[in-house]
Structure formats: C-alpha cells, structure tokens
Amino acid sequence: MAGSEAHYTLPLPVFDKPVKLLIVVAPYYRDIADNLVAGARAVAARAGAAADLVEVPGALEIAPAIGMAFRMADYDGFVALGCVIRGETTHYDT
C-alpha cells in the first residue's frame, strides 16, 4: 500500500528579491539531521534562496536559537530541523 501513495509536492515560491534563510538543526541523530539539512538546502537552492546553517545541542534549543537570530540578524525566514525519538531522552518529561 505505501508504495502506491503519491506525495504532494508544494510549488516553489517565487521571490522578487534575494532571500536569506537560517537553517537551525539539532544533530543529536547525525544521519537523520544530515538528510534533513540536505533536503532543506536543496529546496532553498531550487527556490533561489541563500541558507546559513546553525547547529544547536538539542531539540529544545532550536526555538531559542531562532528567537535570538530573529532579534539579532537579518534573515527573511527560518527552517527548524530536529528529530526526537521517544525513549532516547527525557524530552517528553518537560
């Protein structure tokens, strides 16, 4: 069944000026994080956007990092990437 499902692909945005994005990733699961970053960079490039990358120690630090960047830097948008798997850490206890 899963092989017959089609994935919907969102149309790429069109920008009238250069766009600068910040990708914030928590690389606790390095292989998963690397694939997420590669996908985000590929889509950003296809849309004509430049993307900087910041790594944070864990998933709980993603939102504060974006908040700091929003206040201190000149980004047009943000991409938050991370993976939390139940049982590996205590994220579900917070």
PDB file of N, CA and C in Angstrom:
ATOM      1  N   MET A   1       0.809  -1.193   0.000  1.00  0.00           N
ATOM      2  CA  MET A   1       0.000   0.000   0.000  1.00  0.00           C
ATOM      3  C   MET A   1       0.859   1.267   0.000  1.00  0.00           C
ATOM      4  N   ALA A   2       1.871   1.292   0.863  1.00  0.00           N
ATOM      5  CA  ALA A   2       2.660   2.513   0.988  1.00  0.00           C
ATOM      6  C   ALA A   2       3.341   2.877  -0.321  1.00  0.00           C
ATOM      7  N   GLY A   3       3.712   1.896  -1.117  1.00  0.00           N
ATOM      8  CA  GLY A   3       4.382   2.177  -2.375  1.00  0.00           C
ATOM      9  C   GLY A   3       3.486   2.833  -3.401  1.00  0.00           C
ATOM     10  N   SER A   4       2.177   2.698  -3.267  1.00  0.00           N
ATOM     11  CA  SER A   4       1.266   3.270  -4.251  1.00  0.00           C
ATOM     12  C   SER A   4       0.806   4.682  -3.889  1.00  0.00           C
ATOM     13  N   GLU A   5       1.155   5.168  -2.714  1.00  0.00           N
ATOM     14  CA  GLU A   5       0.739   6.506  -2.305  1.00  0.00           C
ATOM     15  C   GLU A   5       1.591   7.558  -3.000  1.00  0.00           C
ATOM     16  N   ALA A   6       0.946   8.597  -3.498  1.00  0.00           N
ATOM     17  CA  ALA A   6       1.661   9.699  -4.134  1.00  0.00           C
ATOM     18  C   ALA A   6       1.869  10.811  -3.117  1.00  0.00           C
ATOM     19  N   HIS A   7       3.029  11.421  -3.167  1.00  0.00           N
ATOM     20  CA  HIS A   7       3.318  12.546  -2.285  1.00  0.00           C
ATOM     21  C   HIS A   7       3.004  13.840  -3.019  1.00  0.00           C
ATOM     22  N   TYR A   8       2.352  14.755  -2.325  1.00  0.00           N
ATOM     23  CA  TYR A   8       2.063  16.061  -2.898  1.00  0.00           C
ATOM     24  C   TYR A   8       3.311  16.917  -2.781  1.00  0.00           C
ATOM     25  N   THR A   9       3.676  17.576  -3.842  1.00  0.00           N
ATOM     26  CA  THR A   9       4.827  18.463  -3.842  1.00  0.00           C
ATOM     27  C   THR A   9       4.333  19.899  -3.906  1.00  0.00           C
ATOM     28  N   LEU A  10       4.712  20.680  -2.922  1.00  0.00           N
ATOM     29  CA  LEU A  10       4.324  22.085  -2.905  1.00  0.00           C
ATOM     30  C   LEU A  10       5.049  22.841  -4.006  1.00  0.00           C
ATOM     31  N   PRO A  11       4.387  23.790  -4.633  1.00  0.00           N
ATOM     32  CA  PRO A  11       5.082  24.610  -5.633  1.00  0.00           C
ATOM     33  C   PRO A  11       6.132  25.479  -4.946  1.00  0.00           C
ATOM     34  N   LEU A  12       7.244  25.710  -5.640  1.00  0.00           N
ATOM     35  CA  LEU A  12       8.293  26.558  -5.076  1.00  0.00           C
ATOM     36  C   LEU A  12       7.848  28.013  -5.114  1.00  0.00           C
ATOM     37  N   PRO A  13       8.189  28.773  -4.091  1.00  0.00           N
ATOM     38  CA  PRO A  13       7.838  30.196  -4.102  1.00  0.00           C
ATOM     39  C   PRO A  13       8.692  30.958  -5.108  1.00  0.00           C
ATOM     40  N   VAL A  14       8.182  32.079  -5.539  1.00  0.00           N
ATOM     41  CA  VAL A  14       8.916  32.973  -6.428  1.00  0.00           C
ATOM     42  C   VAL A  14       9.171  34.260  -5.650  1.00  0.00           C
ATOM     43  N   PHE A  15      10.427  34.677  -5.606  1.00  0.00           N
ATOM     44  CA  PHE A  15      10.801  35.859  -4.837  1.00  0.00           C
ATOM     45  C   PHE A  15      11.216  36.979  -5.777  1.00  0.00           C
ATOM     46  N   ASP A  16      10.881  38.208  -5.425  1.00  0.00           N
ATOM     47  CA  ASP A  16      11.271  39.351  -6.248  1.00  0.00           C
ATOM     48  C   ASP A  16      12.602  39.953  -5.810  1.00  0.00           C
ATOM     49  N   LYS A  17      13.163  39.445  -4.730  1.00  0.00           N
ATOM     50  CA  LYS A  17      14.480  39.880  -4.250  1.00  0.00           C
ATOM     51  C   LYS A  17      15.181  38.669  -3.639  1.00  0.00           C
ATOM     52  N   PRO A  18      16.504  38.735  -3.483  1.00  0.00           N
ATOM     53  CA  PRO A  18      17.212  37.608  -2.862  1.00  0.00           C
ATOM     54  C   PRO A  18      16.699  37.340  -1.446  1.00  0.00           C
ATOM     55  N   VAL A  19      16.559  36.075  -1.119  1.00  0.00           N
ATOM     56  CA  VAL A  19      16.042  35.661   0.184  1.00  0.00           C
ATOM     57  C   VAL A  19      17.153  34.973   0.968  1.00  0.00           C
ATOM     58  N   LYS A  20      17.262  35.325   2.245  1.00  0.00           N
ATOM     59  CA  LYS A  20      18.276  34.740   3.120  1.00  0.00           C
ATOM     60  C   LYS A  20      17.571  33.974   4.234  1.00  0.00           C
ATOM     61  N   LEU A  21      17.844  32.678   4.314  1.00  0.00           N
ATOM     62  CA  LEU A  21      17.241  31.807   5.319  1.00  0.00           C
ATOM     63  C   LEU A  21      18.283  31.363   6.339  1.00  0.00           C
ATOM     64  N   LEU A  22      17.814  31.023   7.520  1.00  0.00           N
ATOM     65  CA  LEU A  22      18.660  30.388   8.525  1.00  0.00           C
ATOM     66  C   LEU A  22      18.080  29.018   8.820  1.00  0.00           C
ATOM     67  N   ILE A  23      18.899  27.997   8.636  1.00  0.00           N
ATOM     68  CA  ILE A  23      18.524  26.630   8.990  1.00  0.00           C
ATOM     69  C   ILE A  23      19.118  26.350  10.363  1.00  0.00           C
ATOM     70  N   VAL A  24      18.269  25.985  11.308  1.00  0.00           N
ATOM     71  CA  VAL A  24      18.722  25.638  12.660  1.00  0.00           C
ATOM     72  C   VAL A  24      18.442  24.155  12.859  1.00  0.00           C
ATOM     73  N   VAL A  25      19.487  23.393  13.176  1.00  0.00           N
ATOM     74  CA  VAL A  25      19.344  21.942  13.296  1.00  0.00           C
ATOM     75  C   VAL A  25      19.930  21.448  14.615  1.00  0.00           C
ATOM     76  N   ALA A  26      19.254  20.478  15.196  1.00  0.00           N
ATOM     77  CA  ALA A  26      19.759  19.769  16.374  1.00  0.00           C
ATOM     78  C   ALA A  26      20.244  18.403  15.889  1.00  0.00           C
ATOM     79  N   PRO A  27      21.555  18.194  15.805  1.00  0.00           N
ATOM     80  CA  PRO A  27      22.087  16.982  15.168  1.00  0.00           C
ATOM     81  C   PRO A  27      22.298  15.800  16.110  1.00  0.00           C
ATOM     82  N   TYR A  28      21.427  15.623  17.090  1.00  0.00           N
ATOM     83  CA  TYR A  28      21.587  14.506  18.027  1.00  0.00           C
ATOM     84  C   TYR A  28      21.637  13.178  17.271  1.00  0.00           C
ATOM     85  N   TYR A  29      20.752  13.016  16.299  1.00  0.00           N
ATOM     86  CA  TYR A  29      20.789  11.858  15.395  1.00  0.00           C
ATOM     87  C   TYR A  29      21.418  12.340  14.096  1.00  0.00           C
ATOM     88  N   ARG A  30      22.736  12.267  14.012  1.00  0.00           N
ATOM     89  CA  ARG A  30      23.504  12.891  12.934  1.00  0.00           C
ATOM     90  C   ARG A  30      23.027  12.469  11.542  1.00  0.00           C
ATOM     91  N   ASP A  31      22.815  11.189  11.303  1.00  0.00           N
ATOM     92  CA  ASP A  31      22.404  10.739   9.968  1.00  0.00           C
ATOM     93  C   ASP A  31      21.071  11.354   9.560  1.00  0.00           C
ATOM     94  N   ILE A  32      20.120  11.366  10.474  1.00  0.00           N
ATOM     95  CA  ILE A  32      18.805  11.947  10.180  1.00  0.00           C
ATOM     96  C   ILE A  32      18.943  13.450   9.960  1.00  0.00           C
ATOM     97  N   ALA A  33      19.677  14.121  10.839  1.00  0.00           N
ATOM     98  CA  ALA A  33      19.851  15.570  10.729  1.00  0.00           C
ATOM     99  C   ALA A  33      20.530  15.952   9.421  1.00  0.00           C
ATOM    100  N   ASP A  34      21.557  15.199   9.031  1.00  0.00           N
ATOM    101  CA  ASP A  34      22.253  15.497   7.776  1.00  0.00           C
ATOM    102  C   ASP A  34      21.314  15.391   6.578  1.00  0.00           C
ATOM    103  N   ASN A  35      20.441  14.392   6.580  1.00  0.00           N
ATOM    104  CA  ASN A  35      19.476  14.253   5.484  1.00  0.00           C
ATOM    105  C   ASN A  35      18.450  15.384   5.492  1.00  0.00           C
ATOM    106  N   LEU A  36      17.994  15.787   6.671  1.00  0.00           N
ATOM    107  CA  LEU A  36      17.066  16.911   6.765  1.00  0.00           C
ATOM    108  C   LEU A  36      17.708  18.195   6.241  1.00  0.00           C
ATOM    109  N   VAL A  37      18.959  18.441   6.628  1.00  0.00           N
ATOM    110  CA  VAL A  37      19.668  19.637   6.171  1.00  0.00           C
ATOM    111  C   VAL A  37      19.868  19.591   4.662  1.00  0.00           C
ATOM    112  N   ALA A  38      20.259  18.445   4.132  1.00  0.00           N
ATOM    113  CA  ALA A  38      20.457  18.327   2.682  1.00  0.00           C
ATOM    114  C   ALA A  38      19.165  18.643   1.934  1.00  0.00           C
ATOM    115  N   GLY A  39      18.048  18.142   2.425  1.00  0.00           N
ATOM    116  CA  GLY A  39      16.767  18.427   1.790  1.00  0.00           C
ATOM    117  C   GLY A  39      16.401  19.899   1.868  1.00  0.00           C
ATOM    118  N   ALA A  40      16.607  20.507   3.031  1.00  0.00           N
ATOM    119  CA  ALA A  40      16.292  21.929   3.195  1.00  0.00           C
ATOM    120  C   ALA A  40      17.171  22.793   2.302  1.00  0.00           C
ATOM    121  N   ARG A  41      18.458  22.465   2.237  1.00  0.00           N
ATOM    122  CA  ARG A  41      19.370  23.227   1.372  1.00  0.00           C
ATOM    123  C   ARG A  41      18.988  23.075  -0.101  1.00  0.00           C
ATOM    124  N   ALA A  42      18.608  21.871  -0.501  1.00  0.00           N
ATOM    125  CA  ALA A  42      18.238  21.629  -1.901  1.00  0.00           C
ATOM    126  C   ALA A  42      17.000  22.427  -2.289  1.00  0.00           C
ATOM    127  N   VAL A  43      15.994  22.430  -1.437  1.00  0.00           N
ATOM    128  CA  VAL A  43      14.768  23.183  -1.739  1.00  0.00           C
ATOM    129  C   VAL A  43      15.057  24.681  -1.741  1.00  0.00           C
ATOM    130  N   ALA A  44      15.848  25.150  -0.781  1.00  0.00           N
ATOM    131  CA  ALA A  44      16.201  26.570  -0.745  1.00  0.00           C
ATOM    132  C   ALA A  44      16.933  26.970  -2.020  1.00  0.00           C
ATOM    133  N   ALA A  45      17.877  26.154  -2.452  1.00  0.00           N
ATOM    134  CA  ALA A  45      18.633  26.457  -3.667  1.00  0.00           C
ATOM    135  C   ALA A  45      17.725  26.478  -4.894  1.00  0.00           C
ATOM    136  N   ARG A  46      16.816  25.510  -4.995  1.00  0.00           N
ATOM    137  CA  ARG A  46      15.889  25.485  -6.135  1.00  0.00           C
ATOM    138  C   ARG A  46      14.986  26.713  -6.151  1.00  0.00           C
ATOM    139  N   ALA A  47      14.699  27.257  -4.980  1.00  0.00           N
ATOM    140  CA  ALA A  47      13.854  28.449  -4.896  1.00  0.00           C
ATOM    141  C   ALA A  47      14.670  29.738  -5.036  1.00  0.00           C
ATOM    142  N   GLY A  48      15.991  29.604  -5.138  1.00  0.00           N
ATOM    143  CA  GLY A  48      16.846  30.769  -5.289  1.00  0.00           C
ATOM    144  C   GLY A  48      17.185  31.466  -3.987  1.00  0.00           C
ATOM    145  N   ALA A  49      17.043  30.784  -2.878  1.00  0.00           N
ATOM    146  CA  ALA A  49      17.336  31.369  -1.568  1.00  0.00           C
ATOM    147  C   ALA A  49      18.720  30.943  -1.090  1.00  0.00           C
ATOM    148  N   ALA A  50      19.374  31.833  -0.372  1.00  0.00           N
ATOM    149  CA  ALA A  50      20.631  31.502   0.292  1.00  0.00           C
ATOM    150  C   ALA A  50      20.294  31.011   1.696  1.00  0.00           C
ATOM    151  N   ALA A  51      21.069  30.052   2.194  1.00  0.00           N
ATOM    152  CA  ALA A  51      20.766  29.489   3.512  1.00  0.00           C
ATOM    153  C   ALA A  51      22.032  29.333   4.342  1.00  0.00           C
ATOM    154  N   ASP A  52      22.021  29.923   5.525  1.00  0.00           N
ATOM    155  CA  ASP A  52      23.070  29.712   6.518  1.00  0.00           C
ATOM    156  C   ASP A  52      22.628  28.567   7.421  1.00  0.00           C
ATOM    157  N   LEU A  53      23.591  27.940   8.084  1.00  0.00           N
ATOM    158  CA  LEU A  53      23.302  26.796   8.948  1.00  0.00           C
ATOM    159  C   LEU A  53      23.867  27.026  10.341  1.00  0.00           C
ATOM    160  N   VAL A  54      23.053  26.731  11.359  1.00  0.00           N
ATOM    161  CA  VAL A  54      23.491  26.773  12.755  1.00  0.00           C
ATOM    162  C   VAL A  54      23.092  25.458  13.400  1.00  0.00           C
ATOM    163  N   GLU A  55      24.033  24.846  14.130  1.00  0.00           N
ATOM    164  CA  GLU A  55      23.733  23.636  14.896  1.00  0.00           C
ATOM    165  C   GLU A  55      23.576  24.007  16.363  1.00  0.00           C
ATOM    166  N   VAL A  56      22.574  23.415  16.997  1.00  0.00           N
ATOM    167  CA  VAL A  56      22.348  23.605  18.430  1.00  0.00           C
ATOM    168  C   VAL A  56      22.428  22.238  19.102  1.00  0.00           C
ATOM    169  N   PRO A  57      22.693  22.192  20.409  1.00  0.00           N
ATOM    170  CA  PRO A  57      22.903  20.901  21.073  1.00  0.00           C
ATOM    171  C   PRO A  57      21.718  19.944  21.028  1.00  0.00           C
ATOM    172  N   GLY A  58      20.506  20.467  21.145  1.00  0.00           N
ATOM    173  CA  GLY A  58      19.344  19.579  21.195  1.00  0.00           C
ATOM    174  C   GLY A  58      18.099  20.260  20.676  1.00  0.00           C
ATOM    175  N   ALA A  59      17.026  19.485  20.565  1.00  0.00           N
ATOM    176  CA  ALA A  59      15.770  19.984  20.005  1.00  0.00           C
ATOM    177  C   ALA A  59      15.193  21.142  20.811  1.00  0.00           C
ATOM    178  N   LEU A  60      15.406  21.138  22.119  1.00  0.00           N
ATOM    179  CA  LEU A  60      14.851  22.209  22.947  1.00  0.00           C
ATOM    180  C   LEU A  60      15.539  23.551  22.713  1.00  0.00           C
ATOM    181  N   GLU A  61      16.698  23.546  22.094  1.00  0.00           N
ATOM    182  CA  GLU A  61      17.422  24.792  21.819  1.00  0.00           C
ATOM    183  C   GLU A  61      17.083  25.394  20.460  1.00  0.00           C
ATOM    184  N   ILE A  62      16.323  24.700  19.632  1.00  0.00           N
ATOM    185  CA  ILE A  62      16.006  25.208  18.292  1.00  0.00           C
ATOM    186  C   ILE A  62      15.220  26.516  18.370  1.00  0.00           C
ATOM    187  N   ALA A  63      14.130  26.530  19.108  1.00  0.00           N
ATOM    188  CA  ALA A  63      13.289  27.736  19.179  1.00  0.00           C
ATOM    189  C   ALA A  63      14.027  28.940  19.765  1.00  0.00           C
ATOM    190  N   PRO A  64      14.770  28.790  20.874  1.00  0.00           N
ATOM    191  CA  PRO A  64      15.517  29.955  21.374  1.00  0.00           C
ATOM    192  C   PRO A  64      16.562  30.456  20.375  1.00  0.00           C
ATOM    193  N   ALA A  65      17.196  29.551  19.645  1.00  0.00           N
ATOM    194  CA  ALA A  65      18.188  29.970  18.649  1.00  0.00           C
ATOM    195  C   ALA A  65      17.528  30.789  17.544  1.00  0.00           C
ATOM    196  N   ILE A  66      16.357  30.353  17.098  1.00  0.00           N
ATOM    197  CA  ILE A  66      15.633  31.114  16.079  1.00  0.00           C
ATOM    198  C   ILE A  66      15.203  32.465  16.643  1.00  0.00           C
ATOM    199  N   GLY A  67      14.749  32.481  17.887  1.00  0.00           N
ATOM    200  CA  GLY A  67      14.366  33.745  18.517  1.00  0.00           C
ATOM    201  C   GLY A  67      15.520  34.727  18.589  1.00  0.00           C
ATOM    202  N   MET A  68      16.702  34.238  18.950  1.00  0.00           N
ATOM    203  CA  MET A  68      17.885  35.100  19.009  1.00  0.00           C
ATOM    204  C   MET A  68      18.250  35.613  17.626  1.00  0.00           C
ATOM    205  N   ALA A  69      18.229  34.737  16.633  1.00  0.00           N
ATOM    206  CA  ALA A  69      18.565  35.143  15.271  1.00  0.00           C
ATOM    207  C   ALA A  69      17.556  36.155  14.737  1.00  0.00           C
ATOM    208  N   PHE A  70      16.292  35.977  15.081  1.00  0.00           N
ATOM    209  CA  PHE A  70      15.248  36.901  14.642  1.00  0.00           C
ATOM    210  C   PHE A  70      15.511  38.314  15.168  1.00  0.00           C
ATOM    211  N   ARG A  71      15.948  38.393  16.423  1.00  0.00           N
ATOM    212  CA  ARG A  71      16.209  39.694  17.039  1.00  0.00           C
ATOM    213  C   ARG A  71      17.535  40.307  16.607  1.00  0.00           C
ATOM    214  N   MET A  72      18.535  39.474  16.303  1.00  0.00           N
ATOM    215  CA  MET A  72      19.887  39.983  16.110  1.00  0.00           C
ATOM    216  C   MET A  72      20.382  39.971  14.669  1.00  0.00           C
ATOM    217  N   ALA A  73      19.712  39.288  13.771  1.00  0.00           N
ATOM    218  CA  ALA A  73      20.226  39.153  12.408  1.00  0.00           C
ATOM    219  C   ALA A  73      19.143  39.515  11.401  1.00  0.00           C
ATOM    220  N   ASP A  74      19.542  39.562  10.154  1.00  0.00           N
ATOM    221  CA  ASP A  74      18.638  39.980   9.084  1.00  0.00           C
ATOM    222  C   ASP A  74      18.288  38.789   8.196  1.00  0.00           C
ATOM    223  N   TYR A  75      17.459  37.882   8.709  1.00  0.00           N
ATOM    224  CA  TYR A  75      17.007  36.729   7.931  1.00  0.00           C
ATOM    225  C   TYR A  75      15.565  36.945   7.495  1.00  0.00           C
ATOM    226  N   ASP A  76      15.253  36.423   6.317  1.00  0.00           N
ATOM    227  CA  ASP A  76      13.889  36.509   5.793  1.00  0.00           C
ATOM    228  C   ASP A  76      13.018  35.357   6.265  1.00  0.00           C
ATOM    229  N   GLY A  77      13.643  34.271   6.683  1.00  0.00           N
ATOM    230  CA  GLY A  77      12.882  33.114   7.139  1.00  0.00           C
ATOM    231  C   GLY A  77      13.775  32.131   7.862  1.00  0.00           C
ATOM    232  N   PHE A  78      13.133  31.174   8.515  1.00  0.00           N
ATOM    233  CA  PHE A  78      13.846  30.204   9.338  1.00  0.00           C
ATOM    234  C   PHE A  78      13.333  28.804   9.051  1.00  0.00           C
ATOM    235  N   VAL A  79      14.246  27.831   9.124  1.00  0.00           N
ATOM    236  CA  VAL A  79      13.895  26.422   8.969  1.00  0.00           C
ATOM    237  C   VAL A  79      14.371  25.713  10.232  1.00  0.00           C
ATOM    238  N   ALA A  80      13.456  25.087  10.950  1.00  0.00           N
ATOM    239  CA  ALA A  80      13.775  24.375  12.191  1.00  0.00           C
ATOM    240  C   ALA A  80      13.797  22.881  11.915  1.00  0.00           C
ATOM    241  N   LEU A  81      14.934  22.232  12.201  1.00  0.00           N
ATOM    242  CA  LEU A  81      15.084  20.808  11.916  1.00  0.00           C
ATOM    243  C   LEU A  81      15.598  20.063  13.142  1.00  0.00           C
ATOM    244  N   GLY A  82      14.951  18.967  13.446  1.00  0.00           N
ATOM    245  CA  GLY A  82      15.391  18.125  14.542  1.00  0.00           C
ATOM    246  C   GLY A  82      14.582  16.848  14.563  1.00  0.00           C
ATOM    247  N   CYS A  83      15.039  15.905  15.345  1.00  0.00           N
ATOM    248  CA  CYS A  83      14.359  14.618  15.454  1.00  0.00           C
ATOM    249  C   CYS A  83      14.363  14.204  16.920  1.00  0.00           C
ATOM    250  N   VAL A  84      13.174  13.951  17.456  1.00  0.00           N
ATOM    251  CA  VAL A  84      13.043  13.483  18.836  1.00  0.00           C
ATOM    252  C   VAL A  84      12.396  12.109  18.785  1.00  0.00           C
ATOM    253  N   ILE A  85      13.085  11.118  19.325  1.00  0.00           N
ATOM    254  CA  ILE A  85      12.579   9.747  19.343  1.00  0.00           C
ATOM    255  C   ILE A  85      12.289   9.378  20.790  1.00  0.00           C
ATOM    256  N   ARG A  86      11.072   9.025  21.058  1.00  0.00           N
ATOM    257  CA  ARG A  86      10.656   8.700  22.427  1.00  0.00           C
ATOM    258  C   ARG A  86      11.485   7.533  22.973  1.00  0.00           C
ATOM    259  N   GLY A  87      11.945   7.717  24.191  1.00  0.00           N
ATOM    260  CA  GLY A  87      12.709   6.669  24.843  1.00  0.00           C
ATOM    261  C   GLY A  87      14.198   6.930  24.890  1.00  0.00           C
ATOM    262  N   GLU A  88      14.701   7.757  23.988  1.00  0.00           N
ATOM    263  CA  GLU A  88      16.133   8.038  23.953  1.00  0.00           C
ATOM    264  C   GLU A  88      16.533   9.111  24.966  1.00  0.00           C
ATOM    265  N   THR A  89      15.662  10.098  25.173  1.00  0.00           N
ATOM    266  CA  THR A  89      15.962  11.202  26.079  1.00  0.00           C
ATOM    267  C   THR A  89      14.721  11.496  26.914  1.00  0.00           C
ATOM    268  N   THR A  90      14.813  12.529  27.749  1.00  0.00           N
ATOM    269  CA  THR A  90      13.684  12.878  28.611  1.00  0.00           C
ATOM    270  C   THR A  90      12.876  14.054  28.072  1.00  0.00           C
ATOM    271  N   HIS A  91      12.870  14.275  26.752  1.00  0.00           N
ATOM    272  CA  HIS A  91      12.114  15.396  26.187  1.00  0.00           C
ATOM    273  C   HIS A  91      10.637  15.340  26.559  1.00  0.00           C
ATOM    274  N   TYR A  92      10.108  14.146  26.724  1.00  0.00           N
ATOM    275  CA  TYR A  92       8.681  14.008  26.985  1.00  0.00           C
ATOM    276  C   TYR A  92       8.329  14.291  28.438  1.00  0.00           C
ATOM    277  N   ASP A  93       9.334  14.461  29.294  1.00  0.00           N
ATOM    278  CA  ASP A  93       9.093  14.738  30.703  1.00  0.00           C
ATOM    279  C   ASP A  93       9.074  16.229  31.010  1.00  0.00           C
ATOM    280  N   THR A  94       9.393  17.074  30.023  1.00  0.00           N
ATOM    281  CA  THR A  94       9.453  18.523  30.281  1.00  0.00           C
ATOM    282  C   THR A  94       8.113  19.174  30.085  1.00  0.00           C
TER     283      THR A  94
END
